[in-house]
PDB file of N, CA and C in Angstrom:
ATOM      1  N   UNK A   1      14.163 -15.368 -12.044  1.00  0.00           N
ATOM      2  CA  UNK A   1      13.052 -14.529 -11.550  1.00  0.00           C
ATOM      3  C   UNK A   1      12.343 -15.297 -10.447  1.00  0.00           C
ATOM      4  N   UNK A   2      12.174 -14.636  -9.309  1.00  0.00           N
ATOM      5  CA  UNK A   2      11.402 -15.227  -8.173  1.00  0.00           C
ATOM      6  C   UNK A   2      10.050 -14.543  -8.111  1.00  0.00           C
ATOM      7  N   UNK A   3       9.015 -15.325  -7.920  1.00  0.00           N
ATOM      8  CA  UNK A   3       7.642 -14.807  -7.805  1.00  0.00           C
ATOM      9  C   UNK A   3       7.265 -14.785  -6.351  1.00  0.00           C
ATOM     10  N   UNK A   4       7.090 -13.570  -5.807  1.00  0.00           N
ATOM     11  CA  UNK A   4       6.804 -13.358  -4.398  1.00  0.00           C
ATOM     12  C   UNK A   4       5.359 -12.918  -4.213  1.00  0.00           C
ATOM     13  N   UNK A   5       4.647 -13.638  -3.376  1.00  0.00           N
ATOM     14  CA  UNK A   5       3.253 -13.284  -3.065  1.00  0.00           C
ATOM     15  C   UNK A   5       3.170 -12.808  -1.627  1.00  0.00           C
ATOM     16  N   UNK A   6       2.532 -11.656  -1.428  1.00  0.00           N
ATOM     17  CA  UNK A   6       2.406 -11.063  -0.090  1.00  0.00           C
ATOM     18  C   UNK A   6       0.918 -11.116   0.326  1.00  0.00           C
ATOM     19  N   UNK A   7       0.682 -11.657   1.537  1.00  0.00           N
ATOM     20  CA  UNK A   7      -0.670 -11.901   1.995  1.00  0.00           C
ATOM     21  C   UNK A   7      -0.901 -11.258   3.339  1.00  0.00           C
ATOM     22  N   UNK A   8      -2.034 -10.520   3.471  1.00  0.00           N
ATOM     23  CA  UNK A   8      -2.459 -10.052   4.760  1.00  0.00           C
ATOM     24  C   UNK A   8      -3.986 -10.298   4.865  1.00  0.00           C
ATOM     25  N   UNK A   9      -4.658  -9.546   5.672  1.00  0.00           N
ATOM     26  CA  UNK A   9      -6.077  -9.796   5.867  1.00  0.00           C
ATOM     27  C   UNK A   9      -6.953  -9.227   4.741  1.00  0.00           C
ATOM     28  N   UNK A  10      -6.821  -7.906   4.536  1.00  0.00           N
ATOM     29  CA  UNK A  10      -7.755  -7.235   3.641  1.00  0.00           C
ATOM     30  C   UNK A  10      -7.146  -6.678   2.368  1.00  0.00           C
ATOM     31  N   UNK A  11      -5.840  -6.855   2.182  1.00  0.00           N
ATOM     32  CA  UNK A  11      -5.135  -6.409   0.986  1.00  0.00           C
ATOM     33  C   UNK A  11      -5.342  -4.906   0.761  1.00  0.00           C
ATOM     34  N   UNK A  12      -5.248  -4.145   1.854  1.00  0.00           N
ATOM     35  CA  UNK A  12      -5.410  -2.681   1.722  1.00  0.00           C
ATOM     36  C   UNK A  12      -4.185  -1.918   2.136  1.00  0.00           C
ATOM     37  N   UNK A  13      -3.377  -2.440   3.029  1.00  0.00           N
ATOM     38  CA  UNK A  13      -2.204  -1.678   3.549  1.00  0.00           C
ATOM     39  C   UNK A  13      -0.876  -2.422   3.458  1.00  0.00           C
ATOM     40  N   UNK A  14      -0.755  -3.497   4.221  1.00  0.00           N
ATOM     41  CA  UNK A  14       0.547  -4.161   4.297  1.00  0.00           C
ATOM     42  C   UNK A  14       0.925  -4.911   3.039  1.00  0.00           C
ATOM     43  N   UNK A  15       0.078  -5.785   2.542  1.00  0.00           N
ATOM     44  CA  UNK A  15       0.472  -6.576   1.348  1.00  0.00           C
ATOM     45  C   UNK A  15       0.587  -5.727   0.094  1.00  0.00           C
ATOM     46  N   UNK A  16      -0.288  -4.721  -0.146  1.00  0.00           N
ATOM     47  CA  UNK A  16      -0.067  -3.860  -1.308  1.00  0.00           C
ATOM     48  C   UNK A  16       1.220  -3.052  -1.221  1.00  0.00           C
ATOM     49  N   UNK A  17       1.551  -2.641   0.007  1.00  0.00           N
ATOM     50  CA  UNK A  17       2.826  -1.909   0.170  1.00  0.00           C
ATOM     51  C   UNK A  17       3.986  -2.840  -0.185  1.00  0.00           C
ATOM     52  N   UNK A  18       3.964  -4.045   0.312  1.00  0.00           N
ATOM     53  CA  UNK A  18       5.049  -5.013   0.027  1.00  0.00           C
ATOM     54  C   UNK A  18       5.099  -5.266  -1.484  1.00  0.00           C
ATOM     55  N   UNK A  19       3.977  -5.447  -2.135  1.00  0.00           N
ATOM     56  CA  UNK A  19       3.977  -5.686  -3.572  1.00  0.00           C
ATOM     57  C   UNK A  19       4.604  -4.522  -4.298  1.00  0.00           C
ATOM     58  N   UNK A  20       4.305  -3.306  -3.912  1.00  0.00           N
ATOM     59  CA  UNK A  20       4.888  -2.144  -4.588  1.00  0.00           C
ATOM     60  C   UNK A  20       6.376  -1.995  -4.298  1.00  0.00           C
ATOM     61  N   UNK A  21       6.787  -2.209  -3.069  1.00  0.00           N
ATOM     62  CA  UNK A  21       8.186  -2.041  -2.689  1.00  0.00           C
ATOM     63  C   UNK A  21       9.050  -3.042  -3.473  1.00  0.00           C
ATOM     64  N   UNK A  22       8.696  -4.278  -3.481  1.00  0.00           N
ATOM     65  CA  UNK A  22       9.546  -5.307  -4.083  1.00  0.00           C
ATOM     66  C   UNK A  22       9.375  -5.442  -5.603  1.00  0.00           C
ATOM     67  N   UNK A  23       8.358  -4.813  -6.171  1.00  0.00           N
ATOM     68  CA  UNK A  23       8.149  -4.854  -7.618  1.00  0.00           C
ATOM     69  C   UNK A  23       9.329  -4.181  -8.339  1.00  0.00           C
ATOM     70  N   UNK A  24       9.992  -3.267  -7.695  1.00  0.00           N
ATOM     71  CA  UNK A  24      11.105  -2.539  -8.296  1.00  0.00           C
ATOM     72  C   UNK A  24      12.429  -3.303  -8.153  1.00  0.00           C
ATOM     73  N   UNK A  25      12.449  -4.381  -7.410  1.00  0.00           N
ATOM     74  CA  UNK A  25      13.697  -5.171  -7.234  1.00  0.00           C
ATOM     75  C   UNK A  25      13.960  -6.009  -8.484  1.00  0.00           C
ATOM     76  N   UNK A  26      15.203  -6.085  -8.854  1.00  0.00           N
ATOM     77  CA  UNK A  26      15.601  -6.921  -9.975  1.00  0.00           C
ATOM     78  C   UNK A  26      15.298  -8.391  -9.636  1.00  0.00           C
ATOM     79  N   UNK A  27      14.892  -9.113 -10.659  1.00  0.00           N
ATOM     80  CA  UNK A  27      14.624 -10.560 -10.535  1.00  0.00           C
ATOM     81  C   UNK A  27      13.510 -10.934  -9.521  1.00  0.00           C
ATOM     82  N   UNK A  28      12.616  -9.982  -9.235  1.00  0.00           N
ATOM     83  CA  UNK A  28      11.471 -10.252  -8.366  1.00  0.00           C
ATOM     84  C   UNK A  28      10.200  -9.801  -9.057  1.00  0.00           C
ATOM     85  N   UNK A  29       9.264 -10.748  -9.128  1.00  0.00           N
ATOM     86  CA  UNK A  29       7.935 -10.449  -9.617  1.00  0.00           C
ATOM     87  C   UNK A  29       6.967 -10.556  -8.416  1.00  0.00           C
ATOM     88  N   UNK A  30       6.033  -9.608  -8.280  1.00  0.00           N
ATOM     89  CA  UNK A  30       5.227  -9.566  -7.077  1.00  0.00           C
ATOM     90  C   UNK A  30       3.726  -9.604  -7.354  1.00  0.00           C
ATOM     91  N   UNK A  31       3.043 -10.034  -6.303  1.00  0.00           N
ATOM     92  CA  UNK A  31       1.558  -9.995  -6.308  1.00  0.00           C
ATOM     93  C   UNK A  31       1.172  -9.917  -4.830  1.00  0.00           C
ATOM     94  N   UNK A  32      -0.089  -9.518  -4.588  1.00  0.00           N
ATOM     95  CA  UNK A  32      -0.576  -9.473  -3.208  1.00  0.00           C
ATOM     96  C   UNK A  32      -2.072  -9.767  -3.203  1.00  0.00           C
ATOM     97  N   UNK A  33      -2.507 -10.205  -2.008  1.00  0.00           N
ATOM     98  CA  UNK A  33      -3.899 -10.525  -1.806  1.00  0.00           C
ATOM     99  C   UNK A  33      -4.214 -10.585  -0.322  1.00  0.00           C
ATOM    100  N   UNK A  34      -5.491 -10.671  -0.032  1.00  0.00           N
ATOM    101  CA  UNK A  34      -5.955 -10.797   1.363  1.00  0.00           C
ATOM    102  C   UNK A  34      -6.750 -12.045   1.560  1.00  0.00           C
ATOM    103  N   UNK A  35      -6.842 -12.440   2.824  1.00  0.00           N
ATOM    104  CA  UNK A  35      -7.563 -13.643   3.194  1.00  0.00           C
ATOM    105  C   UNK A  35      -9.016 -13.404   3.606  1.00  0.00           C
ATOM    106  N   UNK A  36      -9.374 -12.188   3.952  1.00  0.00           N
ATOM    107  CA  UNK A  36     -10.725 -11.909   4.402  1.00  0.00           C
ATOM    108  C   UNK A  36     -11.709 -11.826   3.201  1.00  0.00           C
ATOM    109  N   UNK A  37     -12.971 -12.083   3.481  1.00  0.00           N
ATOM    110  CA  UNK A  37     -13.981 -12.052   2.447  1.00  0.00           C
ATOM    111  C   UNK A  37     -14.164 -10.677   1.829  1.00  0.00           C
ATOM    112  N   UNK A  38     -13.757  -9.607   2.564  1.00  0.00           N
ATOM    113  CA  UNK A  38     -13.897  -8.234   2.036  1.00  0.00           C
ATOM    114  C   UNK A  38     -12.566  -7.659   1.558  1.00  0.00           C
ATOM    115  N   UNK A  39     -11.605  -8.531   1.285  1.00  0.00           N
ATOM    116  CA  UNK A  39     -10.301  -8.073   0.774  1.00  0.00           C
ATOM    117  C   UNK A  39     -10.459  -7.419  -0.575  1.00  0.00           C
ATOM    118  N   UNK A  40      -9.634  -6.453  -0.858  1.00  0.00           N
ATOM    119  CA  UNK A  40      -9.629  -5.780  -2.155  1.00  0.00           C
ATOM    120  C   UNK A  40      -9.399  -6.814  -3.233  1.00  0.00           C
ATOM    121  N   UNK A  41      -8.355  -7.663  -3.045  1.00  0.00           N
ATOM    122  CA  UNK A  41      -8.101  -8.812  -3.921  1.00  0.00           C
ATOM    123  C   UNK A  41      -8.095 -10.011  -3.004  1.00  0.00           C
ATOM    124  N   UNK A  42      -9.070 -10.903  -3.145  1.00  0.00           N
ATOM    125  CA  UNK A  42      -9.121 -12.119  -2.330  1.00  0.00           C
ATOM    126  C   UNK A  42      -8.145 -13.139  -2.872  1.00  0.00           C
ATOM    127  N   UNK A  43      -7.395 -13.747  -1.977  1.00  0.00           N
ATOM    128  CA  UNK A  43      -6.402 -14.771  -2.353  1.00  0.00           C
ATOM    129  C   UNK A  43      -7.057 -15.904  -3.079  1.00  0.00           C
ATOM    130  N   UNK A  44      -6.414 -16.302  -4.184  1.00  0.00           N
ATOM    131  CA  UNK A  44      -6.931 -17.396  -4.999  1.00  0.00           C
ATOM    132  C   UNK A  44      -5.910 -18.528  -5.067  1.00  0.00           C
ATOM    133  N   UNK A  45      -6.411 -19.694  -5.411  1.00  0.00           N
ATOM    134  CA  UNK A  45      -5.497 -20.860  -5.602  1.00  0.00           C
ATOM    135  C   UNK A  45      -4.522 -20.590  -6.767  1.00  0.00           C
ATOM    136  N   UNK A  46      -4.943 -19.825  -7.743  1.00  0.00           N
ATOM    137  CA  UNK A  46      -4.054 -19.523  -8.876  1.00  0.00           C
ATOM    138  C   UNK A  46      -2.889 -18.683  -8.429  1.00  0.00           C
ATOM    139  N   UNK A  47      -3.111 -17.766  -7.494  1.00  0.00           N
ATOM    140  CA  UNK A  47      -2.023 -16.942  -6.967  1.00  0.00           C
ATOM    141  C   UNK A  47      -1.043 -17.800  -6.155  1.00  0.00           C
ATOM    142  N   UNK A  48      -1.600 -18.658  -5.340  1.00  0.00           N
ATOM    143  CA  UNK A  48      -0.746 -19.552  -4.510  1.00  0.00           C
ATOM    144  C   UNK A  48       0.057 -20.449  -5.407  1.00  0.00           C
ATOM    145  N   UNK A  49      -0.548 -20.995  -6.426  1.00  0.00           N
ATOM    146  CA  UNK A  49       0.161 -21.865  -7.363  1.00  0.00           C
ATOM    147  C   UNK A  49       1.232 -21.112  -8.126  1.00  0.00           C
ATOM    148  N   UNK A  50       1.004 -19.837  -8.464  1.00  0.00           N
ATOM    149  CA  UNK A  50       1.955 -19.013  -9.184  1.00  0.00           C
ATOM    150  C   UNK A  50       3.209 -18.714  -8.373  1.00  0.00           C
ATOM    151  N   UNK A  51       3.059 -18.543  -7.090  1.00  0.00           N
ATOM    152  CA  UNK A  51       4.165 -18.063  -6.247  1.00  0.00           C
ATOM    153  C   UNK A  51       5.247 -19.084  -6.008  1.00  0.00           C
ATOM    154  N   UNK A  52       6.492 -18.565  -5.936  1.00  0.00           N
ATOM    155  CA  UNK A  52       7.652 -19.363  -5.492  1.00  0.00           C
ATOM    156  C   UNK A  52       7.782 -19.270  -3.994  1.00  0.00           C
ATOM    157  N   UNK A  53       7.503 -18.093  -3.453  1.00  0.00           N
ATOM    158  CA  UNK A  53       7.608 -17.818  -1.992  1.00  0.00           C
ATOM    159  C   UNK A  53       6.418 -16.983  -1.618  1.00  0.00           C
ATOM    160  N   UNK A  54       5.869 -17.315  -0.470  1.00  0.00           N
ATOM    161  CA  UNK A  54       4.672 -16.584   0.041  1.00  0.00           C
ATOM    162  C   UNK A  54       5.042 -15.972   1.380  1.00  0.00           C
ATOM    163  N   UNK A  55       4.802 -14.641   1.498  1.00  0.00           N
ATOM    164  CA  UNK A  55       5.027 -13.934   2.760  1.00  0.00           C
ATOM    165  C   UNK A  55       3.667 -13.639   3.353  1.00  0.00           C
ATOM    166  N   UNK A  56       3.481 -14.043   4.610  1.00  0.00           N
ATOM    167  CA  UNK A  56       2.276 -13.636   5.327  1.00  0.00           C
ATOM    168  C   UNK A  56       2.723 -12.665   6.415  1.00  0.00           C
ATOM    169  N   UNK A  57       1.816 -11.767   6.788  1.00  0.00           N
ATOM    170  CA  UNK A  57       2.132 -10.746   7.739  1.00  0.00           C
ATOM    171  C   UNK A  57       2.051 -11.205   9.203  1.00  0.00           C
ATOM    172  N   UNK A  58       1.157 -12.140   9.476  1.00  0.00           N
ATOM    173  CA  UNK A  58       0.940 -12.627  10.835  1.00  0.00           C
ATOM    174  C   UNK A  58       0.798 -14.123  10.877  1.00  0.00           C
ATOM    175  N   UNK A  59       1.007 -14.721  12.076  1.00  0.00           N
ATOM    176  CA  UNK A  59       0.850 -16.138  12.226  1.00  0.00           C
ATOM    177  C   UNK A  59      -0.534 -16.655  11.900  1.00  0.00           C
ATOM    178  N   UNK A  60      -1.544 -15.839  12.236  1.00  0.00           N
ATOM    179  CA  UNK A  60      -2.929 -16.222  11.920  1.00  0.00           C
ATOM    180  C   UNK A  60      -3.106 -16.324  10.406  1.00  0.00           C
ATOM    181  N   UNK A  61      -2.421 -15.571   9.637  1.00  0.00           N
ATOM    182  CA  UNK A  61      -2.503 -15.651   8.192  1.00  0.00           C
ATOM    183  C   UNK A  61      -1.939 -16.978   7.709  1.00  0.00           C
ATOM    184  N   UNK A  62      -0.793 -17.416   8.328  1.00  0.00           N
ATOM    185  CA  UNK A  62      -0.239 -18.704   7.945  1.00  0.00           C
ATOM    186  C   UNK A  62      -1.219 -19.829   8.232  1.00  0.00           C
ATOM    187  N   UNK A  63      -1.878 -19.804   9.395  1.00  0.00           N
ATOM    188  CA  UNK A  63      -2.870 -20.858   9.732  1.00  0.00           C
ATOM    189  C   UNK A  63      -3.996 -20.848   8.712  1.00  0.00           C
ATOM    190  N   UNK A  64      -4.521 -19.670   8.414  1.00  0.00           N
ATOM    191  CA  UNK A  64      -5.632 -19.598   7.471  1.00  0.00           C
ATOM    192  C   UNK A  64      -5.222 -20.019   6.060  1.00  0.00           C
ATOM    193  N   UNK A  65      -4.020 -19.654   5.673  1.00  0.00           N
ATOM    194  CA  UNK A  65      -3.455 -20.046   4.388  1.00  0.00           C
ATOM    195  C   UNK A  65      -3.375 -21.576   4.316  1.00  0.00           C
ATOM    196  N   UNK A  66      -2.861 -22.182   5.368  1.00  0.00           N
ATOM    197  CA  UNK A  66      -2.719 -23.651   5.394  1.00  0.00           C
ATOM    198  C   UNK A  66      -4.085 -24.347   5.354  1.00  0.00           C
ATOM    199  N   UNK A  67      -5.062 -23.771   6.086  1.00  0.00           N
ATOM    200  CA  UNK A  67      -6.378 -24.381   6.091  1.00  0.00           C
ATOM    201  C   UNK A  67      -7.099 -24.310   4.723  1.00  0.00           C
ATOM    202  N   UNK A  68      -6.972 -23.191   4.099  1.00  0.00           N
ATOM    203  CA  UNK A  68      -7.729 -22.937   2.867  1.00  0.00           C
ATOM    204  C   UNK A  68      -7.006 -23.383   1.601  1.00  0.00           C
ATOM    205  N   UNK A  69      -5.687 -23.403   1.583  1.00  0.00           N
ATOM    206  CA  UNK A  69      -4.953 -23.639   0.358  1.00  0.00           C
ATOM    207  C   UNK A  69      -3.914 -24.748   0.493  1.00  0.00           C
ATOM    208  N   UNK A  70      -4.115 -25.646   1.406  1.00  0.00           N
ATOM    209  CA  UNK A  70      -3.141 -26.702   1.714  1.00  0.00           C
ATOM    210  C   UNK A  70      -2.657 -27.434   0.468  1.00  0.00           C
ATOM    211  N   UNK A  71      -3.536 -27.806  -0.390  1.00  0.00           N
ATOM    212  CA  UNK A  71      -3.125 -28.647  -1.516  1.00  0.00           C
ATOM    213  C   UNK A  71      -2.291 -27.884  -2.564  1.00  0.00           C
ATOM    214  N   UNK A  72      -2.298 -26.557  -2.515  1.00  0.00           N
ATOM    215  CA  UNK A  72      -1.468 -25.765  -3.445  1.00  0.00           C
ATOM    216  C   UNK A  72      -0.130 -25.338  -2.796  1.00  0.00           C
ATOM    217  N   UNK A  73       0.044 -25.678  -1.531  1.00  0.00           N
ATOM    218  CA  UNK A  73       1.240 -25.217  -0.834  1.00  0.00           C
ATOM    219  C   UNK A  73       2.413 -26.203  -0.844  1.00  0.00           C
ATOM    220  N   UNK A  74       2.223 -27.360  -1.401  1.00  0.00           N
ATOM    221  CA  UNK A  74       3.275 -28.373  -1.446  1.00  0.00           C
ATOM    222  C   UNK A  74       4.517 -27.801  -2.145  1.00  0.00           C
ATOM    223  N   UNK A  75       5.610 -27.792  -1.428  1.00  0.00           N
ATOM    224  CA  UNK A  75       6.874 -27.301  -1.972  1.00  0.00           C
ATOM    225  C   UNK A  75       7.065 -25.830  -1.923  1.00  0.00           C
ATOM    226  N   UNK A  76       6.100 -25.079  -1.398  1.00  0.00           N
ATOM    227  CA  UNK A  76       6.168 -23.607  -1.311  1.00  0.00           C
ATOM    228  C   UNK A  76       6.859 -23.195  -0.021  1.00  0.00           C
ATOM    229  N   UNK A  77       7.631 -22.134  -0.092  1.00  0.00           N
ATOM    230  CA  UNK A  77       8.166 -21.534   1.135  1.00  0.00           C
ATOM    231  C   UNK A  77       7.163 -20.497   1.582  1.00  0.00           C
ATOM    232  N   UNK A  78       6.717 -20.634   2.855  1.00  0.00           N
ATOM    233  CA  UNK A  78       5.839 -19.688   3.472  1.00  0.00           C
ATOM    234  C   UNK A  78       6.546 -19.056   4.643  1.00  0.00           C
ATOM    235  N   UNK A  79       6.676 -17.749   4.617  1.00  0.00           N
ATOM    236  CA  UNK A  79       7.424 -17.039   5.642  1.00  0.00           C
ATOM    237  C   UNK A  79       6.549 -16.026   6.344  1.00  0.00           C
ATOM    238  N   UNK A  80       6.501 -16.095   7.641  1.00  0.00           N
ATOM    239  CA  UNK A  80       5.719 -15.177   8.428  1.00  0.00           C
ATOM    240  C   UNK A  80       6.643 -13.998   8.832  1.00  0.00           C
ATOM    241  N   UNK A  81       6.218 -12.804   8.484  1.00  0.00           N
ATOM    242  CA  UNK A  81       7.004 -11.594   8.751  1.00  0.00           C
ATOM    243  C   UNK A  81       6.721 -10.984  10.091  1.00  0.00           C
ATOM    244  N   UNK A  82       5.659 -11.410  10.776  1.00  0.00           N
ATOM    245  CA  UNK A  82       5.298 -10.859  12.099  1.00  0.00           C
ATOM    246  C   UNK A  82       5.196  -9.357  12.074  1.00  0.00           C
ATOM    247  N   UNK A  83       4.456  -8.823  11.087  1.00  0.00           N
ATOM    248  CA  UNK A  83       4.206  -7.389  10.982  1.00  0.00           C
ATOM    249  C   UNK A  83       2.760  -7.150  11.333  1.00  0.00           C
ATOM    250  N   UNK A  84       2.474  -6.477  12.471  1.00  0.00           N
ATOM    251  CA  UNK A  84       1.103  -6.242  12.913  1.00  0.00           C
ATOM    252  C   UNK A  84       0.426  -5.191  12.024  1.00  0.00           C
ATOM    253  N   UNK A  85      -0.885  -5.167  12.101  1.00  0.00           N
ATOM    254  CA  UNK A  85      -1.706  -4.246  11.319  1.00  0.00           C
ATOM    255  C   UNK A  85      -1.756  -2.893  12.037  1.00  0.00           C
ATOM    256  N   UNK A  86      -0.651  -2.186  11.998  1.00  0.00           N
ATOM    257  CA  UNK A  86      -0.608  -0.864  12.654  1.00  0.00           C
ATOM    258  C   UNK A  86       0.033   0.174  11.803  1.00  0.00           C
ATOM    259  N   UNK A  87       0.166  -0.081  10.511  1.00  0.00           N
ATOM    260  CA  UNK A  87       0.825   0.813   9.569  1.00  0.00           C
ATOM    261  C   UNK A  87      -0.147   1.298   8.486  1.00  0.00           C
ATOM    262  N   UNK A  88       0.131   2.480   7.934  1.00  0.00           N
ATOM    263  CA  UNK A  88      -0.605   2.959   6.782  1.00  0.00           C
ATOM    264  C   UNK A  88       0.054   2.513   5.513  1.00  0.00           C
ATOM    265  N   UNK A  89      -0.654   2.704   4.427  1.00  0.00           N
ATOM    266  CA  UNK A  89      -0.142   2.358   3.088  1.00  0.00           C
ATOM    267  C   UNK A  89       1.128   3.115   2.812  1.00  0.00           C
ATOM    268  N   UNK A  90       2.194   2.424   2.460  1.00  0.00           N
ATOM    269  CA  UNK A  90       3.501   2.977   2.090  1.00  0.00           C
ATOM    270  C   UNK A  90       4.131   3.816   3.222  1.00  0.00           C
ATOM    271  N   UNK A  91       3.693   3.591   4.444  1.00  0.00           N
ATOM    272  CA  UNK A  91       4.293   4.283   5.587  1.00  0.00           C
ATOM    273  C   UNK A  91       5.769   3.909   5.670  1.00  0.00           C
ATOM    274  N   UNK A  92       6.634   4.898   5.855  1.00  0.00           N
ATOM    275  CA  UNK A  92       8.082   4.620   5.873  1.00  0.00           C
ATOM    276  C   UNK A  92       8.487   3.536   6.865  1.00  0.00           C
ATOM    277  N   UNK A  93       7.880   3.461   8.044  1.00  0.00           N
ATOM    278  CA  UNK A  93       8.222   2.407   8.994  1.00  0.00           C
ATOM    279  C   UNK A  93       7.858   1.028   8.502  1.00  0.00           C
ATOM    280  N   UNK A  94       6.742   0.910   7.761  1.00  0.00           N
ATOM    281  CA  UNK A  94       6.338  -0.350   7.200  1.00  0.00           C
ATOM    282  C   UNK A  94       7.285  -0.746   6.071  1.00  0.00           C
ATOM    283  N   UNK A  95       7.647   0.214   5.241  1.00  0.00           N
ATOM    284  CA  UNK A  95       8.589  -0.064   4.128  1.00  0.00           C
ATOM    285  C   UNK A  95       9.911  -0.577   4.686  1.00  0.00           C
ATOM    286  N   UNK A  96      10.409   0.129   5.711  1.00  0.00           N
ATOM    287  CA  UNK A  96      11.671  -0.293   6.300  1.00  0.00           C
ATOM    288  C   UNK A  96      11.598  -1.670   6.905  1.00  0.00           C
ATOM    289  N   UNK A  97      10.506  -1.963   7.590  1.00  0.00           N
ATOM    290  CA  UNK A  97      10.354  -3.302   8.178  1.00  0.00           C
ATOM    291  C   UNK A  97      10.266  -4.388   7.151  1.00  0.00           C
ATOM    292  N   UNK A  98       9.522  -4.106   6.072  1.00  0.00           N
ATOM    293  CA  UNK A  98       9.415  -5.095   4.990  1.00  0.00           C
ATOM    294  C   UNK A  98      10.773  -5.364   4.320  1.00  0.00           C
ATOM    295  N   UNK A  99      11.522  -4.336   4.074  1.00  0.00           N
ATOM    296  CA  UNK A  99      12.881  -4.539   3.482  1.00  0.00           C
ATOM    297  C   UNK A  99      13.771  -5.356   4.397  1.00  0.00           C
ATOM    298  N   UNK A 100      13.683  -5.056   5.699  1.00  0.00           N
ATOM    299  CA  UNK A 100      14.490  -5.795   6.685  1.00  0.00           C
ATOM    300  C   UNK A 100      14.107  -7.242   6.813  1.00  0.00           C
ATOM    301  N   UNK A 101      12.804  -7.540   6.757  1.00  0.00           N
ATOM    302  CA  UNK A 101      12.352  -8.939   7.029  1.00  0.00           C
ATOM    303  C   UNK A 101      12.215  -9.733   5.709  1.00  0.00           C
ATOM    304  N   UNK A 102      11.403  -9.297   4.760  1.00  0.00           N
ATOM    305  CA  UNK A 102      11.231 -10.007   3.535  1.00  0.00           C
ATOM    306  C   UNK A 102      12.423  -9.879   2.614  1.00  0.00           C
ATOM    307  N   UNK A 103      13.070  -8.759   2.656  1.00  0.00           N
ATOM    308  CA  UNK A 103      14.186  -8.489   1.768  1.00  0.00           C
ATOM    309  C   UNK A 103      15.336  -9.492   1.849  1.00  0.00           C
ATOM    310  N   UNK A 104      15.544 -10.020   3.017  1.00  0.00           N
ATOM    311  CA  UNK A 104      16.641 -10.991   3.181  1.00  0.00           C
ATOM    312  C   UNK A 104      16.347 -12.343   2.512  1.00  0.00           C
ATOM    313  N   UNK A 105      15.087 -12.566   2.114  1.00  0.00           N
ATOM    314  CA  UNK A 105      14.693 -13.792   1.460  1.00  0.00           C
ATOM    315  C   UNK A 105      14.611 -13.677  -0.060  1.00  0.00           C
ATOM    316  N   UNK A 106      14.855 -12.451  -0.538  1.00  0.00           N
ATOM    317  CA  UNK A 106      14.738 -12.181  -1.959  1.00  0.00           C
ATOM    318  C   UNK A 106      16.091 -11.779  -2.556  1.00  0.00           C
ATOM    319  N   UNK A 107      16.264 -12.033  -3.867  1.00  0.00           N
ATOM    320  CA  UNK A 107      17.576 -11.734  -4.457  1.00  0.00           C
ATOM    321  C   UNK A 107      17.849 -10.232  -4.513  1.00  0.00           C
TER     322      UNK A 107
END
């Protein structure tokens, strides 16, 4: 079982969509969070520690993740998906892009 954590800014559109899409995949456990102070679920050190692989949507998210959670990232794979904040929740184009980008890193 691989534990995949999806991170965006506010945990309203991209990361919850990714969490839902990959939750149905065999051998994948998912969670999601946001880095902003007003995120629906704010990223915690416990989530970072839990994850085997962390997917961020933008490069700025990787920088912020490294700044705030550096000591919990040792040995973690962090992958930037380069998915801009231009999609709605569960929008088919977002789902397709997530499967194409993150999907190749999951069983």
